[in-house]
């Protein structure tokens, strides 16, 4: 039996910046975060990615920077296993 390679779905990222409400909303069509992993990944420098020194963006630094740069952080993520909302308050303070 011969299998056909399936092309990955085209990546889409939407960014909404609202200066009146001082908010930034980012939405994408990525694979999402498993609901049971979200609380773990909100801890500073946590990651669920492989330890590959040749790639960037895998050490949890980006999310940690965003969390501690604001006082009202909210993330909604999920996949076929479900959806979870995480909120961090007053991290910048």
PDB file of N, CA and C in Angstrom:
ATOM      1  N   UNK A   1       0.851  -1.175   0.000  1.00  0.00           N
ATOM      2  CA  UNK A   1       0.000   0.000   0.000  1.00  0.00           C
ATOM      3  C   UNK A   1       0.892   1.232   0.000  1.00  0.00           C
ATOM      4  N   UNK A   2       0.586   2.209  -0.815  1.00  0.00           N
ATOM      5  CA  UNK A   2       1.374   3.433  -0.914  1.00  0.00           C
ATOM      6  C   UNK A   2       0.619   4.580  -0.245  1.00  0.00           C
ATOM      7  N   UNK A   3       1.360   5.347   0.567  1.00  0.00           N
ATOM      8  CA  UNK A   3       0.744   6.473   1.262  1.00  0.00           C
ATOM      9  C   UNK A   3       1.191   7.778   0.631  1.00  0.00           C
ATOM     10  N   UNK A   4       0.280   8.702   0.575  1.00  0.00           N
ATOM     11  CA  UNK A   4       0.565  10.020   0.026  1.00  0.00           C
ATOM     12  C   UNK A   4       0.948  10.953   1.165  1.00  0.00           C
ATOM     13  N   UNK A   5       2.033  11.713   0.984  1.00  0.00           N
ATOM     14  CA  UNK A   5       2.410  12.689   1.997  1.00  0.00           C
ATOM     15  C   UNK A   5       1.378  13.799   2.033  1.00  0.00           C
ATOM     16  N   UNK A   6       0.913  14.102   3.231  1.00  0.00           N
ATOM     17  CA  UNK A   6      -0.067  15.169   3.389  1.00  0.00           C
ATOM     18  C   UNK A   6       0.665  16.470   3.685  1.00  0.00           C
ATOM     19  N   UNK A   7       0.349  17.500   2.917  1.00  0.00           N
ATOM     20  CA  UNK A   7       0.948  18.813   3.155  1.00  0.00           C
ATOM     21  C   UNK A   7       0.409  19.364   4.468  1.00  0.00           C
ATOM     22  N   UNK A   8       1.278  19.994   5.256  1.00  0.00           N
ATOM     23  CA  UNK A   8       0.790  20.601   6.495  1.00  0.00           C
ATOM     24  C   UNK A   8      -0.158  21.758   6.174  1.00  0.00           C
ATOM     25  N   UNK A   9      -1.103  21.961   7.069  1.00  0.00           N
ATOM     26  CA  UNK A   9      -2.042  23.070   6.910  1.00  0.00           C
ATOM     27  C   UNK A   9      -1.271  24.383   6.972  1.00  0.00           C
ATOM     28  N   UNK A  10      -1.702  25.337   6.185  1.00  0.00           N
ATOM     29  CA  UNK A  10      -1.046  26.644   6.168  1.00  0.00           C
ATOM     30  C   UNK A  10      -1.203  27.309   7.535  1.00  0.00           C
ATOM     31  N   UNK A  11      -0.084  27.786   8.071  1.00  0.00           N
ATOM     32  CA  UNK A  11      -0.111  28.443   9.369  1.00  0.00           C
ATOM     33  C   UNK A  11      -0.750  29.817   9.285  1.00  0.00           C
ATOM     34  N   UNK A  12      -1.573  30.126  10.273  1.00  0.00           N
ATOM     35  CA  UNK A  12      -2.242  31.423  10.336  1.00  0.00           C
ATOM     36  C   UNK A  12      -2.035  32.002  11.728  1.00  0.00           C
ATOM     37  N   UNK A  13      -1.605  33.247  11.788  1.00  0.00           N
ATOM     38  CA  UNK A  13      -1.460  33.960  13.058  1.00  0.00           C
ATOM     39  C   UNK A  13      -2.215  35.280  12.930  1.00  0.00           C
ATOM     40  N   UNK A  14      -3.130  35.523  13.868  1.00  0.00           N
ATOM     41  CA  UNK A  14      -3.882  36.782  13.904  1.00  0.00           C
ATOM     42  C   UNK A  14      -3.462  37.549  15.156  1.00  0.00           C
ATOM     43  N   UNK A  15      -3.166  38.834  15.000  1.00  0.00           N
ATOM     44  CA  UNK A  15      -2.770  39.677  16.123  1.00  0.00           C
ATOM     45  C   UNK A  15      -3.700  40.883  16.187  1.00  0.00           C
ATOM     46  N   UNK A  16      -4.295  41.113  17.357  1.00  0.00           N
ATOM     47  CA  UNK A  16      -5.199  42.243  17.576  1.00  0.00           C
ATOM     48  C   UNK A  16      -4.628  43.082  18.720  1.00  0.00           C
ATOM     49  N   UNK A  17      -4.259  44.313  18.417  1.00  0.00           N
ATOM     50  CA  UNK A  17      -3.729  45.229  19.423  1.00  0.00           C
ATOM     51  C   UNK A  17      -4.775  46.300  19.685  1.00  0.00           C
ATOM     52  N   UNK A  18      -5.202  46.411  20.937  1.00  0.00           N
ATOM     53  CA  UNK A  18      -6.217  47.387  21.319  1.00  0.00           C
ATOM     54  C   UNK A  18      -5.604  48.345  22.339  1.00  0.00           C
ATOM     55  N   UNK A  19      -5.255  49.544  21.895  1.00  0.00           N
ATOM     56  CA  UNK A  19      -4.603  50.500  22.789  1.00  0.00           C
ATOM     57  C   UNK A  19      -5.557  51.030  23.858  1.00  0.00           C
ATOM     58  N   UNK A  20      -6.856  51.071  23.579  1.00  0.00           N
ATOM     59  CA  UNK A  20      -7.805  51.568  24.569  1.00  0.00           C
ATOM     60  C   UNK A  20      -7.910  50.634  25.766  1.00  0.00           C
ATOM     61  N   UNK A  21      -7.955  49.334  25.500  1.00  0.00           N
ATOM     62  CA  UNK A  21      -8.049  48.374  26.601  1.00  0.00           C
ATOM     63  C   UNK A  21      -6.681  47.869  27.046  1.00  0.00           C
ATOM     64  N   UNK A  22      -5.614  48.388  26.397  1.00  0.00           N
ATOM     65  CA  UNK A  22      -4.239  47.983  26.691  1.00  0.00           C
ATOM     66  C   UNK A  22      -4.109  46.461  26.630  1.00  0.00           C
ATOM     67  N   UNK A  23      -4.574  45.901  25.507  1.00  0.00           N
ATOM     68  CA  UNK A  23      -4.532  44.447  25.370  1.00  0.00           C
ATOM     69  C   UNK A  23      -3.961  44.035  24.014  1.00  0.00           C
ATOM     70  N   UNK A  24      -3.381  42.860  24.007  1.00  0.00           N
ATOM     71  CA  UNK A  24      -2.887  42.239  22.781  1.00  0.00           C
ATOM     72  C   UNK A  24      -3.462  40.829  22.754  1.00  0.00           C
ATOM     73  N   UNK A  25      -4.118  40.472  21.653  1.00  0.00           N
ATOM     74  CA  UNK A  25      -4.696  39.140  21.503  1.00  0.00           C
ATOM     75  C   UNK A  25      -4.013  38.474  20.316  1.00  0.00           C
ATOM     76  N   UNK A  26      -3.503  37.284  20.546  1.00  0.00           N
ATOM     77  CA  UNK A  26      -2.837  36.525  19.494  1.00  0.00           C
ATOM     78  C   UNK A  26      -3.583  35.200  19.345  1.00  0.00           C
ATOM     79  N   UNK A  27      -3.932  34.888  18.121  1.00  0.00           N
ATOM     80  CA  UNK A  27      -4.662  33.654  17.831  1.00  0.00           C
ATOM     81  C   UNK A  27      -3.948  32.948  16.684  1.00  0.00           C
ATOM     82  N   UNK A  28      -3.800  31.633  16.798  1.00  0.00           N
ATOM     83  CA  UNK A  28      -3.176  30.890  15.714  1.00  0.00           C
ATOM     84  C   UNK A  28      -3.880  29.550  15.521  1.00  0.00           C
ATOM     85  N   UNK A  29      -3.531  28.883  14.450  1.00  0.00           N
ATOM     86  CA  UNK A  29      -4.130  27.582  14.168  1.00  0.00           C
ATOM     87  C   UNK A  29      -3.122  26.457  14.399  1.00  0.00           C
ATOM     88  N   UNK A  30      -2.242  26.658  15.384  1.00  0.00           N
ATOM     89  CA  UNK A  30      -1.240  25.649  15.728  1.00  0.00           C
ATOM     90  C   UNK A  30      -1.871  24.453  16.405  1.00  0.00           C
ATOM     91  N   UNK A  31      -1.036  23.563  16.866  1.00  0.00           N
ATOM     92  CA  UNK A  31      -1.514  22.300  17.447  1.00  0.00           C
ATOM     93  C   UNK A  31      -2.090  22.464  18.844  1.00  0.00           C
ATOM     94  N   UNK A  32      -1.864  23.603  19.491  1.00  0.00           N
ATOM     95  CA  UNK A  32      -2.425  23.841  20.815  1.00  0.00           C
ATOM     96  C   UNK A  32      -1.619  23.168  21.913  1.00  0.00           C
ATOM     97  N   UNK A  33      -1.983  23.438  23.137  1.00  0.00           N
ATOM     98  CA  UNK A  33      -1.327  22.883  24.317  1.00  0.00           C
ATOM     99  C   UNK A  33      -2.291  21.918  24.978  1.00  0.00           C
ATOM    100  N   UNK A  34      -1.802  20.731  25.315  1.00  0.00           N
ATOM    101  CA  UNK A  34      -2.648  19.787  26.042  1.00  0.00           C
ATOM    102  C   UNK A  34      -3.102  20.427  27.346  1.00  0.00           C
ATOM    103  N   UNK A  35      -4.392  20.307  27.697  1.00  0.00           N
ATOM    104  CA  UNK A  35      -4.902  20.958  28.912  1.00  0.00           C
ATOM    105  C   UNK A  35      -4.113  20.614  30.174  1.00  0.00           C
ATOM    106  N   UNK A  36      -3.657  19.363  30.323  1.00  0.00           N
ATOM    107  CA  UNK A  36      -2.924  18.995  31.536  1.00  0.00           C
ATOM    108  C   UNK A  36      -1.520  19.611  31.578  1.00  0.00           C
ATOM    109  N   UNK A  37      -1.010  20.067  30.435  1.00  0.00           N
ATOM    110  CA  UNK A  37       0.321  20.671  30.383  1.00  0.00           C
ATOM    111  C   UNK A  37       0.306  22.176  30.639  1.00  0.00           C
ATOM    112  N   UNK A  38      -0.821  22.839  30.448  1.00  0.00           N
ATOM    113  CA  UNK A  38      -0.864  24.293  30.564  1.00  0.00           C
ATOM    114  C   UNK A  38      -0.385  24.804  31.925  1.00  0.00           C
ATOM    115  N   UNK A  39      -0.861  24.257  33.056  1.00  0.00           N
ATOM    116  CA  UNK A  39      -0.355  24.766  34.345  1.00  0.00           C
ATOM    117  C   UNK A  39       1.153  24.582  34.500  1.00  0.00           C
ATOM    118  N   UNK A  40       1.693  23.513  33.978  1.00  0.00           N
ATOM    119  CA  UNK A  40       3.128  23.256  34.057  1.00  0.00           C
ATOM    120  C   UNK A  40       3.887  24.274  33.207  1.00  0.00           C
ATOM    121  N   UNK A  41       3.378  24.562  32.009  1.00  0.00           N
ATOM    122  CA  UNK A  41       4.067  25.460  31.093  1.00  0.00           C
ATOM    123  C   UNK A  41       3.998  26.924  31.519  1.00  0.00           C
ATOM    124  N   UNK A  42       3.090  27.261  32.427  1.00  0.00           N
ATOM    125  CA  UNK A  42       3.015  28.638  32.919  1.00  0.00           C
ATOM    126  C   UNK A  42       4.051  28.926  33.993  1.00  0.00           C
ATOM    127  N   UNK A  43       4.737  27.910  34.482  1.00  0.00           N
ATOM    128  CA  UNK A  43       5.829  28.110  35.437  1.00  0.00           C
ATOM    129  C   UNK A  43       7.040  28.675  34.684  1.00  0.00           C
ATOM    130  N   UNK A  44       7.807  29.560  35.317  1.00  0.00           N
ATOM    131  CA  UNK A  44       8.956  30.160  34.630  1.00  0.00           C
ATOM    132  C   UNK A  44       9.919  29.117  34.050  1.00  0.00           C
ATOM    133  N   UNK A  45      10.322  29.353  32.822  1.00  0.00           N
ATOM    134  CA  UNK A  45      11.310  28.560  32.093  1.00  0.00           C
ATOM    135  C   UNK A  45      10.915  27.104  31.872  1.00  0.00           C
ATOM    136  N   UNK A  46       9.628  26.810  31.912  1.00  0.00           N
ATOM    137  CA  UNK A  46       9.159  25.451  31.625  1.00  0.00           C
ATOM    138  C   UNK A  46       8.943  25.290  30.130  1.00  0.00           C
ATOM    139  N   UNK A  47       9.116  24.084  29.641  1.00  0.00           N
ATOM    140  CA  UNK A  47       8.885  23.794  28.229  1.00  0.00           C
ATOM    141  C   UNK A  47       8.474  22.340  28.071  1.00  0.00           C
ATOM    142  N   UNK A  48       7.766  22.060  27.016  1.00  0.00           N
ATOM    143  CA  UNK A  48       7.430  20.678  26.686  1.00  0.00           C
ATOM    144  C   UNK A  48       8.096  20.268  25.375  1.00  0.00           C
ATOM    145  N   UNK A  49       9.040  21.084  24.916  1.00  0.00           N
ATOM    146  CA  UNK A  49       9.726  20.822  23.656  1.00  0.00           C
ATOM    147  C   UNK A  49      11.012  20.056  23.897  1.00  0.00           C
ATOM    148  N   UNK A  50      11.465  19.396  22.863  1.00  0.00           N
ATOM    149  CA  UNK A  50      12.698  18.623  22.938  1.00  0.00           C
ATOM    150  C   UNK A  50      13.890  19.533  23.227  1.00  0.00           C
ATOM    151  N   UNK A  51      14.903  18.997  23.864  1.00  0.00           N
ATOM    152  CA  UNK A  51      16.121  19.745  24.165  1.00  0.00           C
ATOM    153  C   UNK A  51      17.047  19.690  22.952  1.00  0.00           C
ATOM    154  N   UNK A  52      16.810  20.583  22.009  1.00  0.00           N
ATOM    155  CA  UNK A  52      17.575  20.645  20.773  1.00  0.00           C
ATOM    156  C   UNK A  52      18.313  21.978  20.747  1.00  0.00           C
ATOM    157  N   UNK A  53      19.611  21.951  20.934  1.00  0.00           N
ATOM    158  CA  UNK A  53      20.390  23.187  21.023  1.00  0.00           C
ATOM    159  C   UNK A  53      20.470  23.945  19.697  1.00  0.00           C
ATOM    160  N   UNK A  54      20.124  23.313  18.580  1.00  0.00           N
ATOM    161  CA  UNK A  54      20.189  23.971  17.278  1.00  0.00           C
ATOM    162  C   UNK A  54      18.947  24.800  16.958  1.00  0.00           C
ATOM    163  N   UNK A  55      17.900  24.684  17.753  1.00  0.00           N
ATOM    164  CA  UNK A  55      16.684  25.443  17.482  1.00  0.00           C
ATOM    165  C   UNK A  55      16.482  26.510  18.546  1.00  0.00           C
ATOM    166  N   UNK A  56      15.650  27.486  18.211  1.00  0.00           N
ATOM    167  CA  UNK A  56      15.372  28.574  19.150  1.00  0.00           C
ATOM    168  C   UNK A  56      13.928  28.479  19.612  1.00  0.00           C
ATOM    169  N   UNK A  57      13.617  29.149  20.698  1.00  0.00           N
ATOM    170  CA  UNK A  57      12.243  29.192  21.181  1.00  0.00           C
ATOM    171  C   UNK A  57      11.793  27.946  21.900  1.00  0.00           C
ATOM    172  N   UNK A  58      12.706  27.264  22.562  1.00  0.00           N
ATOM    173  CA  UNK A  58      12.299  26.022  23.200  1.00  0.00           C
ATOM    174  C   UNK A  58      12.591  25.964  24.686  1.00  0.00           C
ATOM    175  N   UNK A  59      13.036  27.040  25.263  1.00  0.00           N
ATOM    176  CA  UNK A  59      13.442  27.008  26.666  1.00  0.00           C
ATOM    177  C   UNK A  59      12.403  27.618  27.611  1.00  0.00           C
ATOM    178  N   UNK A  60      11.253  28.050  27.109  1.00  0.00           N
ATOM    179  CA  UNK A  60      10.232  28.649  27.950  1.00  0.00           C
ATOM    180  C   UNK A  60      10.497  30.100  28.301  1.00  0.00           C
ATOM    181  N   UNK A  61      11.542  30.692  27.731  1.00  0.00           N
ATOM    182  CA  UNK A  61      11.906  32.068  28.055  1.00  0.00           C
ATOM    183  C   UNK A  61      10.889  33.055  27.494  1.00  0.00           C
ATOM    184  N   UNK A  62      10.397  32.817  26.291  1.00  0.00           N
ATOM    185  CA  UNK A  62       9.448  33.740  25.662  1.00  0.00           C
ATOM    186  C   UNK A  62       8.177  33.907  26.464  1.00  0.00           C
ATOM    187  N   UNK A  63       7.577  32.807  26.877  1.00  0.00           N
ATOM    188  CA  UNK A  63       6.346  32.875  27.662  1.00  0.00           C
ATOM    189  C   UNK A  63       6.619  33.503  29.027  1.00  0.00           C
ATOM    190  N   UNK A  64       7.740  33.161  29.642  1.00  0.00           N
ATOM    191  CA  UNK A  64       8.093  33.750  30.933  1.00  0.00           C
ATOM    192  C   UNK A  64       8.235  35.262  30.823  1.00  0.00           C
ATOM    193  N   UNK A  65       8.891  35.729  29.762  1.00  0.00           N
ATOM    194  CA  UNK A  65       9.062  37.169  29.553  1.00  0.00           C
ATOM    195  C   UNK A  65       7.700  37.855  29.429  1.00  0.00           C
ATOM    196  N   UNK A  66       6.814  37.281  28.638  1.00  0.00           N
ATOM    197  CA  UNK A  66       5.481  37.868  28.445  1.00  0.00           C
ATOM    198  C   UNK A  66       4.717  37.898  29.765  1.00  0.00           C
ATOM    199  N   UNK A  67       4.745  36.804  30.511  1.00  0.00           N
ATOM    200  CA  UNK A  67       4.022  36.730  31.787  1.00  0.00           C
ATOM    201  C   UNK A  67       4.449  37.832  32.751  1.00  0.00           C
ATOM    202  N   UNK A  68       5.771  37.999  32.878  1.00  0.00           N
ATOM    203  CA  UNK A  68       6.281  38.944  33.868  1.00  0.00           C
ATOM    204  C   UNK A  68       6.382  40.366  33.342  1.00  0.00           C
ATOM    205  N   UNK A  69       5.901  40.599  32.131  1.00  0.00           N
ATOM    206  CA  UNK A  69       5.872  41.946  31.567  1.00  0.00           C
ATOM    207  C   UNK A  69       4.503  42.591  31.718  1.00  0.00           C
ATOM    208  N   UNK A  70       3.579  41.892  32.334  1.00  0.00           N
ATOM    209  CA  UNK A  70       2.226  42.446  32.478  1.00  0.00           C
ATOM    210  C   UNK A  70       1.640  42.035  33.823  1.00  0.00           C
ATOM    211  N   UNK A  71       0.509  42.634  34.144  1.00  0.00           N
ATOM    212  CA  UNK A  71      -0.177  42.318  35.394  1.00  0.00           C
ATOM    213  C   UNK A  71      -1.490  41.575  35.182  1.00  0.00           C
ATOM    214  N   UNK A  72      -1.860  41.368  33.947  1.00  0.00           N
ATOM    215  CA  UNK A  72      -3.117  40.664  33.667  1.00  0.00           C
ATOM    216  C   UNK A  72      -2.907  39.795  32.433  1.00  0.00           C
ATOM    217  N   UNK A  73      -2.442  38.572  32.632  1.00  0.00           N
ATOM    218  CA  UNK A  73      -2.139  37.658  31.536  1.00  0.00           C
ATOM    219  C   UNK A  73      -3.195  36.548  31.499  1.00  0.00           C
ATOM    220  N   UNK A  74      -3.692  36.272  30.301  1.00  0.00           N
ATOM    221  CA  UNK A  74      -4.681  35.211  30.142  1.00  0.00           C
ATOM    222  C   UNK A  74      -4.345  34.427  28.878  1.00  0.00           C
ATOM    223  N   UNK A  75      -4.335  33.114  28.968  1.00  0.00           N
ATOM    224  CA  UNK A  75      -4.102  32.254  27.814  1.00  0.00           C
ATOM    225  C   UNK A  75      -5.193  31.195  27.768  1.00  0.00           C
ATOM    226  N   UNK A  76      -5.733  31.009  26.580  1.00  0.00           N
ATOM    227  CA  UNK A  76      -6.697  29.949  26.329  1.00  0.00           C
ATOM    228  C   UNK A  76      -6.082  29.056  25.275  1.00  0.00           C
ATOM    229  N   UNK A  77      -5.935  27.790  25.574  1.00  0.00           N
ATOM    230  CA  UNK A  77      -5.332  26.884  24.614  1.00  0.00           C
ATOM    231  C   UNK A  77      -5.936  25.503  24.783  1.00  0.00           C
ATOM    232  N   UNK A  78      -5.802  24.724  23.735  1.00  0.00           N
ATOM    233  CA  UNK A  78      -6.297  23.363  23.801  1.00  0.00           C
ATOM    234  C   UNK A  78      -6.139  22.659  22.475  1.00  0.00           C
ATOM    235  N   UNK A  79      -6.640  21.466  22.449  1.00  0.00           N
ATOM    236  CA  UNK A  79      -6.602  20.641  21.251  1.00  0.00           C
ATOM    237  C   UNK A  79      -7.739  19.633  21.338  1.00  0.00           C
ATOM    238  N   UNK A  80      -7.599  18.499  20.663  1.00  0.00           N
ATOM    239  CA  UNK A  80      -8.673  17.501  20.656  1.00  0.00           C
ATOM    240  C   UNK A  80      -8.939  16.937  22.054  1.00  0.00           C
ATOM    241  N   UNK A  81      -8.011  17.117  22.998  1.00  0.00           N
ATOM    242  CA  UNK A  81      -8.184  16.622  24.371  1.00  0.00           C
ATOM    243  C   UNK A  81      -9.002  17.577  25.236  1.00  0.00           C
ATOM    244  N   UNK A  82      -9.203  18.808  24.768  1.00  0.00           N
ATOM    245  CA  UNK A  82      -9.973  19.777  25.532  1.00  0.00           C
ATOM    246  C   UNK A  82      -9.300  21.136  25.540  1.00  0.00           C
ATOM    247  N   UNK A  83      -9.903  22.060  26.254  1.00  0.00           N
ATOM    248  CA  UNK A  83      -9.428  23.442  26.320  1.00  0.00           C
ATOM    249  C   UNK A  83      -9.303  23.853  27.776  1.00  0.00           C
ATOM    250  N   UNK A  84      -8.302  24.687  28.064  1.00  0.00           N
ATOM    251  CA  UNK A  84      -8.097  25.184  29.415  1.00  0.00           C
ATOM    252  C   UNK A  84      -7.708  26.660  29.339  1.00  0.00           C
ATOM    253  N   UNK A  85      -8.099  27.427  30.350  1.00  0.00           N
ATOM    254  CA  UNK A  85      -7.755  28.845  30.433  1.00  0.00           C
ATOM    255  C   UNK A  85      -6.816  29.018  31.626  1.00  0.00           C
ATOM    256  N   UNK A  86      -5.714  29.723  31.404  1.00  0.00           N
ATOM    257  CA  UNK A  86      -4.786  30.043  32.470  1.00  0.00           C
ATOM    258  C   UNK A  86      -4.721  31.551  32.651  1.00  0.00           C
ATOM    259  N   UNK A  87      -4.735  32.005  33.900  1.00  0.00           N
ATOM    260  CA  UNK A  87      -4.664  33.437  34.198  1.00  0.00           C
ATOM    261  C   UNK A  87      -3.561  33.692  35.210  1.00  0.00           C
ATOM    262  N   UNK A  88      -2.778  34.717  34.961  1.00  0.00           N
ATOM    263  CA  UNK A  88      -1.722  35.140  35.896  1.00  0.00           C
ATOM    264  C   UNK A  88      -1.992  36.607  36.216  1.00  0.00           C
ATOM    265  N   UNK A  89      -2.108  36.924  37.483  1.00  0.00           N
ATOM    266  CA  UNK A  89      -2.388  38.309  37.918  1.00  0.00           C
ATOM    267  C   UNK A  89      -1.189  38.893  38.637  1.00  0.00           C
ATOM    268  N   UNK A  90      -0.889  40.162  38.380  1.00  0.00           N
ATOM    269  CA  UNK A  90       0.105  40.969  39.078  1.00  0.00           C
ATOM    270  C   UNK A  90       1.520  40.385  39.019  1.00  0.00           C
ATOM    271  N   UNK A  91       1.877  39.720  37.943  1.00  0.00           N
ATOM    272  CA  UNK A  91       3.221  39.158  37.802  1.00  0.00           C
ATOM    273  C   UNK A  91       4.275  40.257  37.669  1.00  0.00           C
ATOM    274  N   UNK A  92       3.920  41.369  37.036  1.00  0.00           N
ATOM    275  CA  UNK A  92       4.872  42.456  36.868  1.00  0.00           C
ATOM    276  C   UNK A  92       5.134  43.183  38.183  1.00  0.00           C
ATOM    277  N   UNK A  93       4.143  43.202  39.050  1.00  0.00           N
ATOM    278  CA  UNK A  93       4.295  43.868  40.346  1.00  0.00           C
ATOM    279  C   UNK A  93       5.107  42.991  41.272  1.00  0.00           C
TER     280      UNK A  93
END
